[in-house]
Protein backbone atom coordinates (compact mmCIF):
# COMPACT_ATOMS: atom_id res chain seq x y z
CA MET A 1 173.77 140.69 -53.32
CA ARG A 2 171.71 140.88 -49.80
CA LEU A 3 169.83 137.89 -47.95
CA THR A 4 168.04 137.64 -45.01
CA ALA A 5 167.84 134.88 -42.49
CA THR A 6 163.91 135.45 -40.04
CA VAL A 7 164.63 132.74 -37.54
CA PRO A 8 161.66 132.05 -34.94
CA ALA A 9 161.63 132.15 -30.74
CA THR A 10 161.98 128.92 -29.39
CA ALA A 11 160.69 127.90 -25.91
CA ALA A 12 162.50 124.60 -25.19
CA ASN A 13 162.10 121.85 -22.46
CA LEU A 14 158.58 122.62 -22.83
CA GLY A 15 158.52 121.71 -18.61
CA PRO A 16 159.78 117.77 -18.38
CA GLY A 17 161.02 117.86 -22.01
CA PHE A 18 164.75 119.21 -20.28
CA ASP A 19 167.53 119.74 -23.18
CA CYS A 20 165.12 117.73 -25.50
CA PHE A 21 162.05 119.81 -26.03
CA GLY A 22 161.82 122.69 -27.85
CA LEU A 23 158.69 124.45 -30.12
CA ALA A 24 158.77 127.59 -32.35
CA LEU A 25 156.92 130.79 -32.45
CA ASP A 26 156.50 132.73 -34.83
CA LEU A 27 158.01 135.78 -33.50
CA CYS A 28 160.50 135.84 -35.46
CA ASN A 29 163.99 138.05 -36.06
CA GLU A 30 165.45 139.13 -39.09
CA VAL A 31 169.46 139.20 -39.96
CA ALA A 32 169.82 140.91 -43.60
CA PHE A 33 173.92 140.67 -44.54
CA ASP A 34 174.38 143.05 -47.07
CA ALA A 35 178.40 142.11 -48.86
CA ASP A 36 177.99 145.75 -50.77
CA VAL A 37 178.27 148.06 -48.53
CA GLU A 38 180.96 149.14 -45.65
CA PRO A 39 180.90 146.07 -43.05
CA ASN A 40 179.43 147.34 -40.68
CA VAL A 41 176.59 146.44 -38.06
CA THR A 42 173.44 147.66 -36.32
CA TRP A 43 170.40 146.92 -34.46
CA GLU A 44 166.22 147.18 -33.86
CA GLY A 45 164.14 146.46 -31.74
CA GLU A 46 165.03 144.44 -28.83
CA GLY A 47 168.10 145.14 -27.21
CA ALA A 48 168.90 147.26 -30.27
CA GLY A 49 170.78 150.28 -27.17
CA GLU A 50 172.38 147.00 -25.66
CA LEU A 51 173.88 144.89 -28.38
CA PRO A 52 177.49 145.50 -29.73
CA THR A 53 177.69 147.18 -33.13
CA ASP A 54 181.88 145.95 -32.97
CA GLY A 55 181.22 142.36 -34.30
CA SER A 56 181.87 140.99 -31.91
CA ASP A 57 178.19 140.15 -31.43
CA LEU A 58 176.89 136.00 -31.92
CA VAL A 59 175.09 136.41 -35.04
CA SER A 60 179.03 137.77 -36.95
CA ARG A 61 180.36 135.47 -34.57
CA ALA A 62 178.60 132.52 -36.13
CA ILE A 63 179.94 133.80 -39.82
CA ALA A 64 182.88 133.82 -38.84
CA ALA A 65 183.40 130.54 -36.59
CA THR A 66 180.99 128.78 -39.94
CA ALA A 67 183.76 130.27 -42.12
CA ALA A 68 186.33 128.74 -40.10
CA ARG A 69 185.22 125.65 -40.46
CA PHE A 70 185.90 125.34 -43.56
CA GLY A 71 188.64 126.97 -43.78
CA ARG A 72 187.55 129.89 -45.27
CA GLU A 73 187.93 133.51 -44.61
CA ALA A 74 184.63 135.18 -43.14
CA PRO A 75 182.50 137.32 -45.85
CA ALA A 76 183.01 141.05 -44.97
CA GLY A 77 179.42 142.68 -45.28
CA ALA A 78 177.10 144.79 -42.88
CA ILE A 79 174.69 143.90 -40.73
CA HIS A 80 171.32 144.22 -39.73
CA GLY A 81 168.96 142.85 -37.28
CA VAL A 82 165.78 143.54 -36.63
CA ASN A 83 164.60 142.47 -33.25
CA ARG A 84 161.29 140.88 -32.06
CA ILE A 85 162.99 137.99 -29.97
CA PRO A 86 163.45 139.60 -25.93
CA LEU A 87 167.02 139.43 -24.68
CA GLU A 88 167.39 136.60 -21.76
CA ARG A 89 163.82 135.77 -21.36
CA GLY A 90 163.82 132.37 -22.29
CA LEU A 91 162.76 131.98 -25.34
CA GLY A 92 165.62 131.45 -27.72
CA SER A 93 167.03 134.78 -28.62
CA SER A 94 171.01 133.22 -28.37
CA ALA A 95 169.65 130.55 -30.38
CA ALA A 96 167.83 132.73 -33.18
CA ALA A 97 171.41 134.21 -33.80
CA ALA A 98 174.03 130.99 -34.14
CA VAL A 99 171.39 129.85 -36.31
CA ALA A 100 171.01 133.12 -38.08
CA GLY A 101 174.61 133.95 -38.08
CA VAL A 102 175.09 130.39 -39.39
CA SER A 103 172.40 129.45 -41.65
CA LEU A 104 174.09 133.49 -43.98
CA ALA A 105 177.59 131.78 -43.20
CA ASN A 106 176.22 128.77 -45.55
CA ALA A 107 174.29 130.70 -47.93
CA VAL A 108 177.02 133.78 -49.04
CA LEU A 109 180.32 131.05 -49.29
CA ARG A 110 177.94 128.87 -50.58
CA LEU A 111 178.91 125.97 -47.62
CA GLY A 112 175.67 123.50 -49.27
CA LEU A 113 175.21 122.41 -45.98
CA GLU A 114 171.87 121.22 -44.79
CA ALA A 115 169.73 121.95 -41.73
CA THR A 116 171.45 118.77 -39.31
CA GLY A 117 174.89 121.02 -40.45
CA VAL A 118 173.33 124.01 -39.71
CA LEU A 119 172.11 122.61 -36.70
CA GLU A 120 174.99 120.98 -35.36
CA LEU A 121 177.23 124.49 -36.17
CA ALA A 122 175.07 126.52 -34.28
CA SER A 123 174.30 124.10 -31.70
CA GLU A 124 178.55 124.41 -31.31
CA ILE A 125 178.47 128.14 -31.04
CA GLU A 126 175.64 128.56 -28.97
CA GLY A 127 176.11 126.11 -26.71
CA HIS A 128 173.16 123.32 -26.29
CA PRO A 129 170.82 122.37 -29.12
CA ASP A 130 167.18 122.18 -27.95
CA ASN A 131 166.45 125.93 -28.92
CA ALA A 132 168.66 125.41 -32.17
CA ALA A 133 166.65 122.88 -32.98
CA ALA A 134 163.39 124.46 -33.22
CA ALA A 135 164.90 127.28 -34.67
CA VAL A 136 166.27 124.94 -37.31
CA PHE A 137 163.31 123.02 -38.46
CA GLY A 138 160.30 124.94 -37.08
CA GLY A 139 157.55 123.26 -35.24
CA PHE A 140 158.26 120.73 -32.07
CA THR A 141 161.35 119.22 -32.53
CA MET A 142 162.88 116.53 -29.61
CA VAL A 143 166.27 116.85 -29.98
CA VAL A 144 169.11 114.11 -29.07
CA ASP A 145 172.22 115.89 -29.92
CA GLY A 146 173.63 118.53 -32.50
CA ALA A 147 172.82 115.55 -35.13
CA THR A 148 170.55 114.40 -33.90
CA VAL A 149 166.67 115.48 -33.77
CA ALA A 150 163.27 114.76 -34.83
CA ARG A 151 160.68 117.33 -35.82
CA PHE A 152 156.88 117.34 -36.06
CA ASP A 153 153.36 119.14 -36.65
CA PRO A 154 152.18 119.71 -33.07
CA ASP A 155 148.26 119.70 -33.24
CA PRO A 156 146.72 122.42 -34.65
CA ASP A 157 144.64 123.49 -31.74
CA LEU A 158 147.06 124.90 -29.92
CA ARG A 159 147.42 128.22 -28.45
CA PRO A 160 150.42 129.54 -27.16
CA ALA A 161 150.44 132.39 -24.93
CA LEU A 162 153.55 133.76 -23.53
CA PHE A 163 154.51 135.54 -19.98
CA VAL A 164 157.27 137.86 -21.29
CA PRO A 165 158.12 140.31 -17.75
CA ALA A 166 158.92 143.61 -18.71
CA ASP A 167 162.58 143.74 -16.55
CA ALA A 168 163.42 139.97 -14.83
CA ARG A 169 166.07 138.50 -16.65
CA VAL A 170 167.90 135.44 -15.99
CA SER A 171 171.41 134.45 -18.57
CA THR A 172 171.06 130.66 -19.27
CA GLU A 173 174.71 130.97 -17.86
CA GLU A 174 173.34 131.26 -14.77
CA ALA A 175 170.15 129.45 -15.12
CA ARG A 176 172.15 126.39 -15.43
CA ARG A 177 174.49 126.87 -12.76
CA ALA A 178 171.31 126.94 -9.93
CA LEU A 179 170.97 123.20 -11.38
CA PRO A 180 171.93 120.05 -8.92
CA ALA A 181 174.81 117.94 -10.31
CA THR A 182 172.40 114.81 -9.55
CA VAL A 183 168.80 114.51 -8.85
CA PRO A 184 166.78 111.38 -7.34
CA HIS A 185 165.89 108.21 -9.13
CA ALA A 186 161.94 109.14 -8.92
CA ASP A 187 162.14 112.49 -10.22
CA ALA A 188 163.97 110.93 -12.89
CA ALA A 189 162.02 108.53 -13.31
CA SER A 190 159.10 111.00 -13.35
CA ASN A 191 160.17 113.42 -15.78
CA ALA A 192 160.88 109.99 -18.21
CA GLY A 193 157.07 109.52 -18.02
CA HIS A 194 155.81 113.05 -18.21
CA ALA A 195 157.95 114.22 -20.99
CA ALA A 196 156.65 111.15 -23.75
CA LEU A 197 152.57 111.94 -22.09
CA THR A 198 154.01 115.57 -23.08
CA ALA A 199 154.71 114.59 -26.15
CA VAL A 200 151.33 112.74 -26.76
CA ALA A 201 149.52 115.87 -25.60
CA LEU A 202 151.74 117.97 -27.78
CA LEU A 203 151.25 116.34 -31.03
CA HIS A 204 147.47 114.34 -30.88
CA GLU A 205 145.82 115.53 -26.67
CA PRO A 206 146.21 119.22 -26.11
CA GLY A 207 143.89 118.02 -23.23
CA LEU A 208 146.33 116.31 -21.86
CA LEU A 209 148.81 118.92 -21.55
CA VAL A 210 147.59 119.96 -18.13
CA ARG A 211 148.44 116.52 -16.25
CA ALA A 212 151.47 116.47 -18.63
CA MET A 213 153.54 118.72 -18.50
CA ARG A 214 155.09 118.35 -15.07
CA ASP A 215 158.78 118.81 -14.18
CA ARG A 216 160.76 117.76 -11.40
CA LEU A 217 164.48 118.23 -12.83
CA HIS A 218 164.63 121.86 -13.80
CA GLU A 219 161.61 124.72 -12.97
CA ASP A 220 161.55 124.79 -9.70
CA VAL A 221 165.38 125.66 -8.77
CA ARG A 222 164.47 128.23 -11.93
CA LEU A 223 161.68 129.40 -10.60
CA SER A 224 163.35 130.05 -7.31
CA LEU A 225 165.83 132.77 -8.83
CA VAL A 226 162.94 134.90 -9.71
CA PRO A 227 160.12 134.70 -6.84
CA ALA A 228 158.14 136.61 -8.86
CA VAL A 229 157.84 134.53 -11.46
CA ARG A 230 156.92 131.95 -9.20
CA GLU A 231 154.04 134.41 -8.69
CA VAL A 232 152.56 134.37 -12.28
CA PHE A 233 153.56 130.77 -12.34
CA ASP A 234 151.48 129.68 -9.75
CA GLY A 235 148.72 131.77 -10.69
CA ILE A 236 148.23 130.00 -14.45
CA ARG A 237 148.69 126.78 -13.11
CA GLU A 238 145.73 127.13 -10.47
CA ALA A 239 143.34 129.14 -13.30
CA GLY A 240 143.94 125.45 -15.02
CA LEU A 241 145.93 126.30 -17.85
CA ALA A 242 148.44 124.03 -18.57
CA ALA A 243 152.43 126.14 -18.04
CA CYS A 244 156.30 125.85 -17.90
CA VAL A 245 158.79 127.58 -17.54
CA SER A 246 160.41 128.70 -21.07
CA GLY A 247 164.11 127.39 -21.69
CA SER A 248 165.52 128.89 -18.27
CA GLY A 249 163.27 131.86 -18.26
CA PRO A 250 161.68 134.24 -16.94
CA SER A 251 159.27 133.86 -19.44
CA LEU A 252 156.32 131.60 -19.48
CA LEU A 253 154.75 129.79 -21.78
CA ALA A 254 150.95 128.41 -21.58
CA PHE A 255 147.96 127.57 -23.26
CA GLU A 256 144.86 128.60 -23.70
CA ARG A 257 141.76 126.47 -23.74
CA ASP A 258 138.10 128.14 -24.08
CA ASP A 259 137.24 127.34 -21.12
CA VAL A 260 139.35 128.25 -19.40
CA VAL A 261 139.94 132.04 -18.23
CA THR A 262 143.29 133.36 -18.83
CA PRO A 263 144.42 135.08 -15.68
CA GLU A 264 145.20 138.38 -16.35
CA PRO A 265 149.23 139.31 -15.65
CA ALA A 266 151.01 141.24 -13.08
CA GLU A 267 151.61 144.72 -13.29
CA GLY A 268 154.97 144.57 -15.43
CA TRP A 269 154.43 141.47 -17.74
CA ARG A 270 152.65 141.99 -21.06
CA ILE A 271 150.83 137.84 -23.05
CA VAL A 272 152.21 137.42 -25.74
CA ARG A 273 150.08 135.10 -28.19
CA VAL A 274 151.20 133.98 -31.49
CA PRO A 275 151.22 130.18 -33.10
CA VAL A 276 153.03 127.56 -33.56
CA ARG A 277 155.82 128.25 -36.23
CA ALA A 278 155.78 125.46 -39.06
CA GLU A 279 159.02 127.03 -40.32
CA GLY A 280 162.40 127.03 -39.25
CA VAL A 281 164.85 129.95 -40.34
CA ASP A 282 164.38 131.07 -43.59
CA ILE A 283 166.74 132.74 -45.94
CA ARG A 284 165.63 134.70 -49.07
CA GLU A 285 166.98 136.82 -50.90
CA GLY A 286 166.67 140.84 -52.00
């Protein structure tokens, strides 16, 4: 039996929706599990030369953790990943791995988990639910915790453009450690209002995104970790496009418009234009 999990990249936070908003993007990893061959782990694409092949990778650990949660042995088989999501760039590569592992274990062991069950387990394994929610459900998601999520189809006119640096990386753990333990009341109130407006803009009024997508809780701190990213971010905003740090960065997410010229990325950057992906994780046989 051979099963393949297709899992999308995700942009979390979307500016003011810190630890709550997520957007699935049509840039997908494919992870195949083959129960009929000798167990091994192989990778191609993004991170192929650095991801572990000894079973300590996140996909393998998610499969084992899911099996253990139900008192089962982890299924033996070969794992082969085709990775298109860059590592440590704020595009949900860890969430994609966790979601792939839980979903494959669910299918192989016939555990009968619904989507919310997959999200709960993947969130526990990965550490937080915002990326995992969008990876499981697709579209635009709002998540309160691993068990409470709302999914929406965003406005079809959205034109996401990812600004991805070739070399700069920021781990989620590093980005979270840099955040202050407390924030001023005015900043929290500002984010609440801008998050609400961002949701409206994403769903119905993309023209509001430039004004809506403003954050006062995390982006300045994260941009300060990589000054070169701050320069690119400011350039996108100055051109008149809505932009945010994708997840913990350093990638940036902008929304292009016909009436605004998208600035050319600096040397060492590339623009990846991908539509929103309506579907979340998909498992197919064969």
